[in-house]
C-alpha atoms as a PDB file:
ATOM      1  CA  UNK A   1      95.484 126.964 120.899  1.00  0.00           C
ATOM      2  CA  UNK A   2      97.638 129.921 121.892  1.00  0.00           C
ATOM      3  CA  UNK A   3      99.995 127.721 123.860  1.00  0.00           C
ATOM      4  CA  UNK A   4     100.396 125.502 120.784  1.00  0.00           C
ATOM      5  CA  UNK A   5     101.352 128.552 118.720  1.00  0.00           C
ATOM      6  CA  UNK A   6     103.880 129.652 121.336  1.00  0.00           C
ATOM      7  CA  UNK A   7     105.378 126.142 121.373  1.00  0.00           C
ATOM      8  CA  UNK A   8     105.621 126.322 117.562  1.00  0.00           C
ATOM      9  CA  UNK A   9     107.829 129.413 117.934  1.00  0.00           C
ATOM     10  CA  UNK A  10     105.340 132.257 117.745  1.00  0.00           C
ATOM     11  CA  UNK A  11     106.040 135.090 120.158  1.00  0.00           C
ATOM     12  CA  UNK A  12     103.279 136.838 122.071  1.00  0.00           C
ATOM     13  CA  UNK A  13     104.027 139.910 119.989  1.00  0.00           C
ATOM     14  CA  UNK A  14     103.758 138.095 116.649  1.00  0.00           C
ATOM     15  CA  UNK A  15     100.463 136.500 117.711  1.00  0.00           C
ATOM     16  CA  UNK A  16      99.168 139.892 118.809  1.00  0.00           C
ATOM     17  CA  UNK A  17     100.090 141.443 115.463  1.00  0.00           C
ATOM     18  CA  UNK A  18      98.416 138.597 113.559  1.00  0.00           C
ATOM     19  CA  UNK A  19      95.274 138.959 115.674  1.00  0.00           C
ATOM     20  CA  UNK A  20      95.320 142.779 115.699  1.00  0.00           C
ATOM     21  CA  UNK A  21      95.313 143.007 119.506  1.00  0.00           C
ATOM     22  CA  UNK A  22      97.774 144.278 122.104  1.00  0.00           C
ATOM     23  CA  UNK A  23     100.532 141.950 123.248  1.00  0.00           C
ATOM     24  CA  UNK A  24      99.245 142.395 126.784  1.00  0.00           C
ATOM     25  CA  UNK A  25      95.949 140.796 125.748  1.00  0.00           C
ATOM     26  CA  UNK A  26      97.787 137.684 124.580  1.00  0.00           C
ATOM     27  CA  UNK A  27      99.825 137.666 127.776  1.00  0.00           C
ATOM     28  CA  UNK A  28      96.690 137.896 129.924  1.00  0.00           C
ATOM     29  CA  UNK A  29      95.027 135.057 128.014  1.00  0.00           C
ATOM     30  CA  UNK A  30      98.101 132.839 128.368  1.00  0.00           C
ATOM     31  CA  UNK A  31      98.392 133.616 132.086  1.00  0.00           C
ATOM     32  CA  UNK A  32      94.723 132.872 132.696  1.00  0.00           C
ATOM     33  CA  UNK A  33      93.772 136.420 133.651  1.00  0.00           C
ATOM     34  CA  UNK A  34      91.382 136.413 130.686  1.00  0.00           C
ATOM     35  CA  UNK A  35      89.603 133.084 130.795  1.00  0.00           C
ATOM     36  CA  UNK A  36      86.898 133.735 128.214  1.00  0.00           C
ATOM     37  CA  UNK A  37      88.100 135.972 125.369  1.00  0.00           C
ATOM     38  CA  UNK A  38      85.443 137.534 123.168  1.00  0.00           C
ATOM     39  CA  UNK A  39      84.025 135.322 120.431  1.00  0.00           C
ATOM     40  CA  UNK A  40      85.579 137.185 117.509  1.00  0.00           C
ATOM     41  CA  UNK A  41      89.031 136.864 119.085  1.00  0.00           C
ATOM     42  CA  UNK A  42      88.511 133.146 119.692  1.00  0.00           C
ATOM     43  CA  UNK A  43      87.529 132.704 116.039  1.00  0.00           C
ATOM     44  CA  UNK A  44      90.642 134.546 114.870  1.00  0.00           C
ATOM     45  CA  UNK A  45      92.858 132.501 117.201  1.00  0.00           C
ATOM     46  CA  UNK A  46      91.237 129.334 115.821  1.00  0.00           C
ATOM     47  CA  UNK A  47      91.926 130.511 112.248  1.00  0.00           C
ATOM     48  CA  UNK A  48      95.610 131.169 113.029  1.00  0.00           C
ATOM     49  CA  UNK A  49      95.876 127.813 114.828  1.00  0.00           C
ATOM     50  CA  UNK A  50      94.309 125.924 111.908  1.00  0.00           C
ATOM     51  CA  UNK A  51      96.515 127.751 109.418  1.00  0.00           C
ATOM     52  CA  UNK A  52      99.618 126.687 111.380  1.00  0.00           C
ATOM     53  CA  UNK A  53      98.366 123.094 111.634  1.00  0.00           C
ATOM     54  CA  UNK A  54      97.716 122.976 107.881  1.00  0.00           C
ATOM     55  CA  UNK A  55     101.252 124.252 107.308  1.00  0.00           C
ATOM     56  CA  UNK A  56     102.546 121.334 109.404  1.00  0.00           C
ATOM     57  CA  UNK A  57     100.426 118.829 107.459  1.00  0.00           C
ATOM     58  CA  UNK A  58     101.648 120.270 104.150  1.00  0.00           C
ATOM     59  CA  UNK A  59     105.253 119.930 105.357  1.00  0.00           C
ATOM     60  CA  UNK A  60     104.689 116.291 106.314  1.00  0.00           C
ATOM     61  CA  UNK A  61     103.049 115.524 102.966  1.00  0.00           C
ATOM     62  CA  UNK A  62     105.895 117.235 101.083  1.00  0.00           C
ATOM     63  CA  UNK A  63     108.456 115.327 103.131  1.00  0.00           C
ATOM     64  CA  UNK A  64     106.745 112.000 102.496  1.00  0.00           C
ATOM     65  CA  UNK A  65     106.416 112.724  98.778  1.00  0.00           C
ATOM     66  CA  UNK A  66     110.100 113.602  98.629  1.00  0.00           C
ATOM     67  CA  UNK A  67     111.013 110.374 100.429  1.00  0.00           C
ATOM     68  CA  UNK A  68     109.434 108.230  97.724  1.00  0.00           C
ATOM     69  CA  UNK A  69     111.280 109.862  94.853  1.00  0.00           C
END
């Protein structure tokens, strides 16, 4: 999920701010040094991931609706 966010243009720092953790924590997760983050962090990452995915779906729907007009 974090890698997806990075590929969507999020920086480690912006993810860290959104998740209220240090940037180094995000870096360690992405590098594999932290393989099992605590449950509350995983839930927050999932929330951010789903929010970004919903944004993409909304953009696609808006685009498609605009195409038909």
